[in-house]
Protein backbone atom coordinates (compact mmCIF):
# COMPACT_ATOMS: atom_id res chain seq x y z
CA MET A 1 8.69 -20.48 -0.35
CA ASP A 2 9.56 -17.72 -2.77
CA LEU A 3 7.45 -14.56 -2.45
CA GLU A 4 7.26 -14.13 -6.22
CA ASP A 5 5.74 -17.61 -6.61
CA PHE A 6 3.33 -16.97 -3.75
CA VAL A 7 2.19 -13.67 -5.30
CA LYS A 8 1.62 -15.33 -8.68
CA LYS A 9 -0.50 -18.05 -7.08
CA ALA A 10 -2.41 -15.61 -4.89
CA LYS A 11 -3.48 -13.49 -7.89
CA LEU A 12 -4.09 -10.35 -5.83
CA TRP A 13 -3.91 -7.87 -8.71
CA ASN A 14 -7.03 -6.25 -10.15
CA ARG A 15 -9.14 -6.88 -7.07
CA ASP A 16 -11.00 -4.54 -4.78
CA PRO A 17 -9.22 -4.01 -1.43
CA GLY A 18 -11.75 -6.01 0.64
CA PRO A 19 -11.69 -9.20 -1.46
CA GLN A 20 -7.96 -8.70 -1.99
CA MET A 21 -7.24 -8.83 1.74
CA ALA A 22 -9.62 -11.75 2.28
CA LEU A 23 -7.89 -13.69 -0.51
CA LEU A 24 -4.44 -12.90 0.90
CA ASN A 25 -5.53 -14.05 4.34
CA ARG A 26 -6.92 -17.31 2.92
CA LYS A 27 -3.75 -17.97 0.93
CA LEU A 28 -1.53 -17.23 3.93
CA ARG A 29 -3.58 -19.43 6.25
CA ALA A 30 -2.83 -22.35 3.93
CA GLU A 31 0.88 -21.96 4.77
CA LYS A 32 2.88 -22.96 7.82
CA PRO A 33 3.55 -20.24 10.42
CA GLU A 34 7.26 -20.16 9.62
CA THR A 35 6.45 -19.76 5.92
CA ILE A 36 4.19 -16.80 6.71
CA VAL A 37 7.02 -15.14 8.63
CA ASP A 38 9.45 -15.84 5.78
CA LEU A 39 7.04 -14.43 3.18
CA TYR A 40 6.50 -11.35 5.35
CA GLU A 41 10.24 -10.76 5.65
CA GLN A 42 10.63 -11.15 1.88
CA MET A 43 7.80 -8.68 1.34
CA GLN A 44 9.43 -6.17 3.68
CA ARG A 45 12.81 -6.50 1.93
CA CYS A 46 11.31 -6.13 -1.53
CA SER A 47 9.14 -3.20 -0.41
CA SER A 48 12.20 -1.49 1.05
CA ASP A 49 13.99 -1.92 -2.27
CA VAL A 50 11.06 -0.34 -4.12
CA TYR A 51 10.81 2.46 -1.56
CA ASP A 52 14.54 3.23 -1.69
CA ARG A 53 14.50 3.27 -5.48
CA TRP A 54 11.45 5.50 -5.84
CA TYR A 55 11.80 7.86 -2.86
CA PRO A 56 14.28 10.23 -4.53
CA ARG A 57 12.34 10.35 -7.79
CA PRO A 58 9.93 13.23 -8.47
CA GLU A 59 7.13 11.20 -10.13
CA PRO A 60 5.60 9.50 -7.08
CA ARG A 61 5.85 12.62 -4.94
CA ALA A 62 4.15 14.68 -7.64
CA ARG A 63 1.39 12.09 -7.98
CA PHE A 64 0.84 12.00 -4.22
CA GLU A 65 0.78 15.78 -3.83
CA GLU A 66 -1.48 16.28 -6.86
CA HIS A 67 -4.15 13.93 -5.58
CA LEU A 68 -3.77 14.91 -1.93
CA HIS A 69 -4.29 18.56 -2.88
CA ALA A 70 -7.37 17.62 -4.91
CA ALA A 71 -8.74 15.51 -2.03
CA ARG A 72 -8.21 18.35 0.44
CA ALA A 73 -9.92 20.84 -1.89
CA THR A 74 -12.88 18.51 -2.36
CA ASN A 75 -13.15 17.94 1.39
CA ALA A 76 -12.91 21.67 2.06
CA LYS A 77 -15.75 22.40 -0.35
CA ARG A 78 -17.85 19.68 1.25
CA ILE A 79 -17.57 21.25 4.71
CA GLY A 80 -17.87 24.85 3.51
CA HIS A 81 -14.25 25.91 3.98
CA ASP A 82 -12.56 28.20 1.52
CA PRO A 83 -8.94 27.00 1.24
CA ALA A 84 -7.87 30.53 0.24
CA ALA A 85 -9.35 32.08 3.38
CA SER A 86 -7.04 32.70 6.30
CA THR A 87 -9.68 31.98 8.93
CA GLY A 88 -12.55 29.56 9.26
CA PRO A 89 -12.96 25.86 9.80
CA VAL A 90 -9.93 23.78 8.96
CA ALA A 91 -10.57 20.93 6.57
CA GLN A 92 -9.71 17.51 7.89
CA THR A 93 -6.56 16.24 6.26
CA GLU A 94 -5.26 12.76 5.82
CA THR A 95 -2.81 11.49 8.38
CA PHE A 96 -0.73 9.89 5.63
CA THR A 97 2.57 11.55 4.91
CA TYR A 98 4.33 11.07 1.61
CA GLU A 99 6.74 8.63 3.26
CA ILE A 100 3.92 6.48 4.68
CA TRP A 101 2.07 6.61 1.37
CA LEU A 102 5.16 5.56 -0.59
CA ARG A 103 5.89 2.71 1.85
CA ASN A 104 2.34 1.43 1.37
CA TRP A 105 2.54 1.95 -2.40
CA SER A 106 5.71 -0.15 -2.33
CA HIS A 107 3.91 -2.94 -0.42
CA TYR A 108 1.14 -2.84 -2.99
CA GLN A 109 3.52 -3.12 -5.94
CA VAL A 110 5.32 -6.10 -4.41
CA MET A 111 2.19 -7.98 -3.35
CA THR A 112 0.41 -7.56 -6.67
CA GLY A 113 3.38 -8.82 -8.68
CA ASN A 114 4.66 -5.50 -9.98
CA TYR A 115 8.12 -5.98 -8.56
CA PRO A 116 10.13 -4.08 -9.45
CA PRO A 117 7.93 -1.39 -10.99
CA ALA A 118 9.11 -0.33 -14.44
CA ASP A 119 11.08 2.91 -14.64
CA ASP A 120 8.22 4.51 -16.57
CA HIS A 121 5.55 3.24 -14.18
CA PHE A 122 4.04 6.68 -13.53
CA GLU A 123 4.10 7.59 -17.23
CA ASP A 124 1.89 4.71 -18.41
CA PRO A 125 -1.03 6.39 -20.24
CA SER A 126 -3.24 3.31 -19.86
CA ARG A 127 -3.37 3.64 -16.06
CA PRO A 128 -5.41 6.43 -14.51
CA SER A 129 -3.14 8.32 -12.13
CA ILE A 130 -5.64 7.93 -9.31
CA PHE A 131 -4.85 4.20 -9.21
CA ASN A 132 -1.35 4.83 -7.90
CA TYR A 133 -2.67 7.25 -5.33
CA PHE A 134 -5.13 4.73 -3.94
CA GLU A 135 -2.55 1.93 -4.04
CA GLY A 136 -0.58 3.97 -1.52
CA PHE A 137 -3.51 3.68 0.87
CA ILE A 138 -4.56 0.12 0.05
CA GLY A 139 -1.02 -1.16 0.59
CA ASN A 140 -1.28 -0.53 4.33
CA GLY A 141 -3.46 -3.64 4.65
CA PHE A 142 -0.85 -6.13 3.49
CA PRO A 143 1.47 -6.24 6.55
CA PRO A 144 -1.39 -6.76 9.05
CA ALA A 145 -2.73 -9.60 6.89
CA PHE A 146 0.45 -11.56 7.58
CA LYS A 147 0.10 -10.97 11.31
CA GLU A 148 -3.56 -11.95 11.33
CA ALA A 149 -2.93 -15.16 9.38
CA TYR A 150 0.07 -16.10 11.53
CA GLU A 151 -1.69 -15.56 14.83
CA GLY A 152 -4.81 -17.26 13.52
CA ILE A 153 -3.10 -20.54 12.72
CA SER A 154 -0.30 -20.60 15.29
CA SER A 155 -2.08 -19.20 18.37
CA THR A 156 1.15 -17.36 19.18
CA PRO A 157 1.92 -13.63 19.02
CA TRP A 158 3.34 -12.19 15.82
CA PRO A 159 7.15 -12.15 16.12
CA HIS A 160 7.64 -8.77 14.43
CA PRO A 161 6.94 -5.34 15.84
CA THR A 162 3.75 -3.77 14.55
CA ASP A 163 3.35 -0.16 13.51
């Protein structure tokens, strides 16, 4: 089965992360185990293409750093930490690096049918910039969905290494 056709039928775009993952799991469980593995491998290849294309560009890194900085500042204010102070409680920071975020953002783009993303993807004025930031977190749920569906219908361990 072609991943592009599967993504069109799954209609994962414009959904909240919870229902999105539940729908993906349902759609995958309707496939044969070998089809799930094939779709996963296609997703990984396509995501790698997106990642390799966007990694050297400044737009996604700027978007990530802008929102990460804002999230850290908000968190610091919530726990009473002055980011400008040299001492005091350290605000909790996300464990996501830019590379992990971009990998997950790439998964999200592929699995919601935005493959490949347009060259001006980050310049689209109709999309709030926060969407891209959150897509980089939401996208981490797609690879495990394949594993869960595969193991659920085949009763055998997932054949790919997990992160």
